[in-house]
Amino acid sequence: MSDSEERRWVDEMVRRLERSEARRRSPARKGDDELRRRSLELSRRFLEGRAEPTTVRWVPPMRTRWASCTPADGTIRISERLRDTPSWVVDYVLIHELTHLLEPGHDAAFWAWVHRYPRAERAMGYLEGLSAAAGLGLLGIDGDEPAPEAADDDTAEDAAETA
């Protein structure tokens, strides 16, 4: 392949990748209203509609977590670091935080709800890799150390939560 052919193919592949990534991005990244709408849709699909946040909003990057939830007042905050991640990653983070409205801790009941989302494991791995690649050192979605049972698991659930 000549240099010009190689450049042409590289340019074409970059264009294809950019189009693919644009399709995978969540519409929720556009604003808080869309983020809240998406969270309610996810609650209906995976949490029997039981999780109803009062507010869901994008916030400036957090130092130790990808997102947070305050069950007492039903607020969910999602780090703007996640705006350009694939939609299934944002969906996982939303489900994780919505589940805190049902189960405040990270016990077995909590994880049973979270794992109703079919891409939970994949999203946790993505977040773990993103944290490592960026040198963020984020420990989990909620900033917690991985649970002992998660530390023994190859998925390191808490390590990828909302780190």
C-alpha atoms as a PDB file:
ATOM      1  CA  MET A   1       0.000   0.000   0.000  1.00  0.00           C
ATOM      2  CA  SER A   2       1.397   3.381  -0.922  1.00  0.00           C
ATOM      3  CA  ASP A   3       1.719   6.227   1.586  1.00  0.00           C
ATOM      4  CA  SER A   4      -1.170   8.101  -0.030  1.00  0.00           C
ATOM      5  CA  GLU A   5      -3.400   5.003   0.040  1.00  0.00           C
ATOM      6  CA  GLU A   6      -2.510   4.420   3.683  1.00  0.00           C
ATOM      7  CA  ARG A   7      -3.371   8.041   4.589  1.00  0.00           C
ATOM      8  CA  ARG A   8      -6.659   7.756   2.696  1.00  0.00           C
ATOM      9  CA  TRP A   9      -7.611   4.551   4.541  1.00  0.00           C
ATOM     10  CA  VAL A  10      -6.573   5.929   7.918  1.00  0.00           C
ATOM     11  CA  ASP A  11      -8.693   9.041   7.285  1.00  0.00           C
ATOM     12  CA  GLU A  12     -11.639   6.866   6.238  1.00  0.00           C
ATOM     13  CA  MET A  13     -11.348   4.620   9.293  1.00  0.00           C
ATOM     14  CA  VAL A  14     -11.138   7.632  11.612  1.00  0.00           C
ATOM     15  CA  ARG A  15     -14.312   9.056  10.000  1.00  0.00           C
ATOM     16  CA  ARG A  16     -16.090   5.711  10.455  1.00  0.00           C
ATOM     17  CA  LEU A  17     -14.998   5.470  14.079  1.00  0.00           C
ATOM     18  CA  GLU A  18     -16.161   9.014  14.816  1.00  0.00           C
ATOM     19  CA  ARG A  19     -19.579   8.292  13.263  1.00  0.00           C
ATOM     20  CA  SER A  20     -19.850   5.077  15.264  1.00  0.00           C
ATOM     21  CA  GLU A  21     -18.931   6.791  18.522  1.00  0.00           C
ATOM     22  CA  ALA A  22     -21.398   9.615  17.869  1.00  0.00           C
ATOM     23  CA  ARG A  23     -24.211   7.059  17.480  1.00  0.00           C
ATOM     24  CA  ARG A  24     -23.249   5.344  20.734  1.00  0.00           C
ATOM     25  CA  ARG A  25     -23.277   8.511  22.844  1.00  0.00           C
ATOM     26  CA  SER A  26     -26.207   8.952  25.136  1.00  0.00           C
ATOM     27  CA  PRO A  27     -28.784  11.618  24.302  1.00  0.00           C
ATOM     28  CA  ALA A  28     -28.731  12.230  28.068  1.00  0.00           C
ATOM     29  CA  ARG A  29     -25.380  13.964  27.663  1.00  0.00           C
ATOM     30  CA  LYS A  30     -27.125  16.994  26.171  1.00  0.00           C
ATOM     31  CA  GLY A  31     -28.560  18.270  29.439  1.00  0.00           C
ATOM     32  CA  ASP A  32     -30.106  17.651  32.817  1.00  0.00           C
ATOM     33  CA  ASP A  33     -33.654  17.259  31.457  1.00  0.00           C
ATOM     34  CA  GLU A  34     -32.542  14.512  29.081  1.00  0.00           C
ATOM     35  CA  LEU A  35     -30.501  12.896  31.864  1.00  0.00           C
ATOM     36  CA  ARG A  36     -33.538  12.798  34.156  1.00  0.00           C
ATOM     37  CA  ARG A  37     -35.755  11.466  31.368  1.00  0.00           C
ATOM     38  CA  ARG A  38     -33.258   8.699  30.681  1.00  0.00           C
ATOM     39  CA  SER A  39     -33.058   7.804  34.374  1.00  0.00           C
ATOM     40  CA  LEU A  40     -36.842   7.419  34.584  1.00  0.00           C
ATOM     41  CA  GLU A  41     -36.836   5.220  31.483  1.00  0.00           C
ATOM     42  CA  LEU A  42     -34.081   3.040  32.984  1.00  0.00           C
ATOM     43  CA  SER A  43     -35.965   2.820  36.277  1.00  0.00           C
ATOM     44  CA  ARG A  44     -39.036   1.557  34.419  1.00  0.00           C
ATOM     45  CA  ARG A  45     -37.043  -0.986  32.385  1.00  0.00           C
ATOM     46  CA  PHE A  46     -34.741  -2.397  35.052  1.00  0.00           C
ATOM     47  CA  LEU A  47     -35.991  -1.331  38.493  1.00  0.00           C
ATOM     48  CA  GLU A  48     -39.746  -1.895  38.124  1.00  0.00           C
ATOM     49  CA  GLY A  49     -40.210   1.891  38.069  1.00  0.00           C
ATOM     50  CA  ARG A  50     -39.511   1.988  41.802  1.00  0.00           C
ATOM     51  CA  ALA A  51     -36.619   4.476  41.701  1.00  0.00           C
ATOM     52  CA  GLU A  52     -37.881   8.024  41.221  1.00  0.00           C
ATOM     53  CA  PRO A  53     -35.212  10.665  41.737  1.00  0.00           C
ATOM     54  CA  THR A  54     -36.191  14.242  42.535  1.00  0.00           C
ATOM     55  CA  THR A  55     -33.310  15.589  40.457  1.00  0.00           C
ATOM     56  CA  VAL A  56     -30.679  14.126  38.169  1.00  0.00           C
ATOM     57  CA  ARG A  57     -28.020  16.493  36.912  1.00  0.00           C
ATOM     58  CA  TRP A  58     -24.577  16.805  35.419  1.00  0.00           C
ATOM     59  CA  VAL A  59     -22.010  18.316  37.781  1.00  0.00           C
ATOM     60  CA  PRO A  60     -18.383  19.413  37.356  1.00  0.00           C
ATOM     61  CA  PRO A  61     -15.904  16.529  37.594  1.00  0.00           C
ATOM     62  CA  MET A  62     -15.786  15.018  41.051  1.00  0.00           C
ATOM     63  CA  ARG A  63     -12.433  14.209  42.629  1.00  0.00           C
ATOM     64  CA  THR A  64     -13.189  10.717  43.914  1.00  0.00           C
ATOM     65  CA  ARG A  65     -16.236   9.377  42.069  1.00  0.00           C
ATOM     66  CA  TRP A  66     -18.119   9.201  38.820  1.00  0.00           C
ATOM     67  CA  ALA A  67     -21.467   9.973  40.402  1.00  0.00           C
ATOM     68  CA  SER A  68     -23.294  10.228  43.695  1.00  0.00           C
ATOM     69  CA  CYS A  69     -26.757   9.822  45.129  1.00  0.00           C
ATOM     70  CA  THR A  70     -28.353  11.221  48.257  1.00  0.00           C
ATOM     71  CA  PRO A  71     -31.218   8.818  49.012  1.00  0.00           C
ATOM     72  CA  ALA A  72     -32.636  11.098  51.721  1.00  0.00           C
ATOM     73  CA  ASP A  73     -33.609  13.765  49.192  1.00  0.00           C
ATOM     74  CA  GLY A  74     -33.554  11.703  45.982  1.00  0.00           C
ATOM     75  CA  THR A  75     -30.816  13.679  44.235  1.00  0.00           C
ATOM     76  CA  ILE A  76     -28.402  12.140  41.762  1.00  0.00           C
ATOM     77  CA  ARG A  77     -25.298  13.880  40.434  1.00  0.00           C
ATOM     78  CA  ILE A  78     -23.325  12.578  37.444  1.00  0.00           C
ATOM     79  CA  SER A  79     -19.789  13.762  36.751  1.00  0.00           C
ATOM     80  CA  GLU A  80     -19.338  15.625  33.484  1.00  0.00           C
ATOM     81  CA  ARG A  81     -16.322  13.370  32.894  1.00  0.00           C
ATOM     82  CA  LEU A  82     -18.889  10.840  31.649  1.00  0.00           C
ATOM     83  CA  ARG A  83     -20.563  13.057  29.030  1.00  0.00           C
ATOM     84  CA  ASP A  84     -18.621  11.559  26.136  1.00  0.00           C
ATOM     85  CA  THR A  85     -18.639   7.932  27.244  1.00  0.00           C
ATOM     86  CA  PRO A  86     -20.810   5.424  25.378  1.00  0.00           C
ATOM     87  CA  SER A  87     -24.498   5.515  26.276  1.00  0.00           C
ATOM     88  CA  TRP A  88     -24.396   2.069  27.926  1.00  0.00           C
ATOM     89  CA  VAL A  89     -21.799   3.369  30.406  1.00  0.00           C
ATOM     90  CA  VAL A  90     -23.924   6.399  31.334  1.00  0.00           C
ATOM     91  CA  ASP A  91     -26.916   4.057  31.625  1.00  0.00           C
ATOM     92  CA  TYR A  92     -24.998   1.815  34.019  1.00  0.00           C
ATOM     93  CA  VAL A  93     -23.989   4.762  36.201  1.00  0.00           C
ATOM     94  CA  LEU A  94     -27.587   5.984  36.262  1.00  0.00           C
ATOM     95  CA  ILE A  95     -28.862   2.520  37.221  1.00  0.00           C
ATOM     96  CA  HIS A  96     -26.238   2.241  39.941  1.00  0.00           C
ATOM     97  CA  GLU A  97     -27.272   5.566  41.435  1.00  0.00           C
ATOM     98  CA  LEU A  98     -30.996   4.903  40.978  1.00  0.00           C
ATOM     99  CA  THR A  99     -30.549   1.633  42.846  1.00  0.00           C
ATOM    100  CA  HIS A 100     -29.286   3.601  45.835  1.00  0.00           C
ATOM    101  CA  LEU A 101     -32.789   5.050  46.077  1.00  0.00           C
ATOM    102  CA  LEU A 102     -33.958   1.461  46.707  1.00  0.00           C
ATOM    103  CA  GLU A 103     -30.945   0.092  48.594  1.00  0.00           C
ATOM    104  CA  PRO A 104     -28.593   2.681  50.169  1.00  0.00           C
ATOM    105  CA  GLY A 105     -25.623   0.342  50.679  1.00  0.00           C
ATOM    106  CA  HIS A 106     -23.735  -2.082  48.459  1.00  0.00           C
ATOM    107  CA  ASP A 107     -25.171  -5.300  49.830  1.00  0.00           C
ATOM    108  CA  ALA A 108     -26.369  -8.348  47.910  1.00  0.00           C
ATOM    109  CA  ALA A 109     -29.832  -6.834  47.391  1.00  0.00           C
ATOM    110  CA  PHE A 110     -28.248  -3.720  45.859  1.00  0.00           C
ATOM    111  CA  TRP A 111     -26.145  -5.760  43.408  1.00  0.00           C
ATOM    112  CA  ALA A 112     -29.122  -7.953  42.489  1.00  0.00           C
ATOM    113  CA  TRP A 113     -30.937  -4.826  41.268  1.00  0.00           C
ATOM    114  CA  VAL A 114     -27.873  -3.403  39.479  1.00  0.00           C
ATOM    115  CA  HIS A 115     -27.182  -6.646  37.646  1.00  0.00           C
ATOM    116  CA  ARG A 116     -30.596  -6.547  36.024  1.00  0.00           C
ATOM    117  CA  TYR A 117     -28.847  -4.196  33.608  1.00  0.00           C
ATOM    118  CA  PRO A 118     -27.285  -6.563  31.043  1.00  0.00           C
ATOM    119  CA  ARG A 119     -24.195  -4.438  30.419  1.00  0.00           C
ATOM    120  CA  ALA A 120     -23.339  -3.837  34.085  1.00  0.00           C
ATOM    121  CA  GLU A 121     -20.142  -5.909  34.075  1.00  0.00           C
ATOM    122  CA  ARG A 122     -18.966  -4.423  30.806  1.00  0.00           C
ATOM    123  CA  ALA A 123     -19.600  -0.854  32.015  1.00  0.00           C
ATOM    124  CA  MET A 124     -17.767  -1.503  35.287  1.00  0.00           C
ATOM    125  CA  GLY A 125     -14.764  -2.696  33.319  1.00  0.00           C
ATOM    126  CA  TYR A 126     -14.956   0.338  31.047  1.00  0.00           C
ATOM    127  CA  LEU A 127     -14.986   2.713  34.014  1.00  0.00           C
ATOM    128  CA  GLU A 128     -12.132   0.876  35.679  1.00  0.00           C
ATOM    129  CA  GLY A 129     -10.077   1.159  32.489  1.00  0.00           C
ATOM    130  CA  LEU A 130     -11.007   4.814  32.011  1.00  0.00           C
ATOM    131  CA  SER A 131      -9.916   5.605  35.552  1.00  0.00           C
ATOM    132  CA  ALA A 132      -6.624   3.752  35.111  1.00  0.00           C
ATOM    133  CA  ALA A 133      -5.893   5.274  31.700  1.00  0.00           C
ATOM    134  CA  ALA A 134      -6.563   8.790  32.953  1.00  0.00           C
ATOM    135  CA  GLY A 135      -4.575   8.204  36.143  1.00  0.00           C
ATOM    136  CA  LEU A 136      -7.596   9.306  38.159  1.00  0.00           C
ATOM    137  CA  GLY A 137      -7.287   6.628  40.823  1.00  0.00           C
ATOM    138  CA  LEU A 138     -11.050   6.641  41.318  1.00  0.00           C
ATOM    139  CA  LEU A 139     -12.071   3.716  43.487  1.00  0.00           C
ATOM    140  CA  GLY A 140     -15.662   3.201  42.572  1.00  0.00           C
ATOM    141  CA  ILE A 141     -18.837   4.857  41.502  1.00  0.00           C
ATOM    142  CA  ASP A 142     -19.457   6.074  44.996  1.00  0.00           C
ATOM    143  CA  GLY A 143     -15.804   6.538  45.963  1.00  0.00           C
ATOM    144  CA  ASP A 144     -15.851   3.465  48.194  1.00  0.00           C
ATOM    145  CA  GLU A 145     -13.149   0.839  48.437  1.00  0.00           C
ATOM    146  CA  PRO A 146     -14.168  -2.345  46.625  1.00  0.00           C
ATOM    147  CA  ALA A 147     -16.238  -4.650  48.806  1.00  0.00           C
ATOM    148  CA  PRO A 148     -14.365  -7.750  50.022  1.00  0.00           C
ATOM    149  CA  GLU A 149     -16.449 -10.044  47.829  1.00  0.00           C
ATOM    150  CA  ALA A 150     -15.822  -7.761  44.840  1.00  0.00           C
ATOM    151  CA  ALA A 151     -12.083  -7.808  45.449  1.00  0.00           C
ATOM    152  CA  ASP A 152     -12.148 -11.572  44.954  1.00  0.00           C
ATOM    153  CA  ASP A 153     -14.193 -11.219  41.788  1.00  0.00           C
ATOM    154  CA  ASP A 154     -12.528 -10.591  38.442  1.00  0.00           C
ATOM    155  CA  THR A 155     -15.043  -7.859  37.724  1.00  0.00           C
ATOM    156  CA  ALA A 156     -14.049  -5.717  40.714  1.00  0.00           C
ATOM    157  CA  GLU A 157     -17.578  -4.357  40.817  1.00  0.00           C
ATOM    158  CA  ASP A 158     -17.053  -1.450  43.132  1.00  0.00           C
ATOM    159  CA  ALA A 159     -13.790  -0.472  41.472  1.00  0.00           C
ATOM    160  CA  ALA A 160     -15.634   0.317  38.314  1.00  0.00           C
ATOM    161  CA  GLU A 161     -18.896   1.591  39.701  1.00  0.00           C
ATOM    162  CA  THR A 162     -18.824   5.315  39.375  1.00  0.00           C
ATOM    163  CA  ALA A 163     -15.147   5.797  39.861  1.00  0.00           C
END
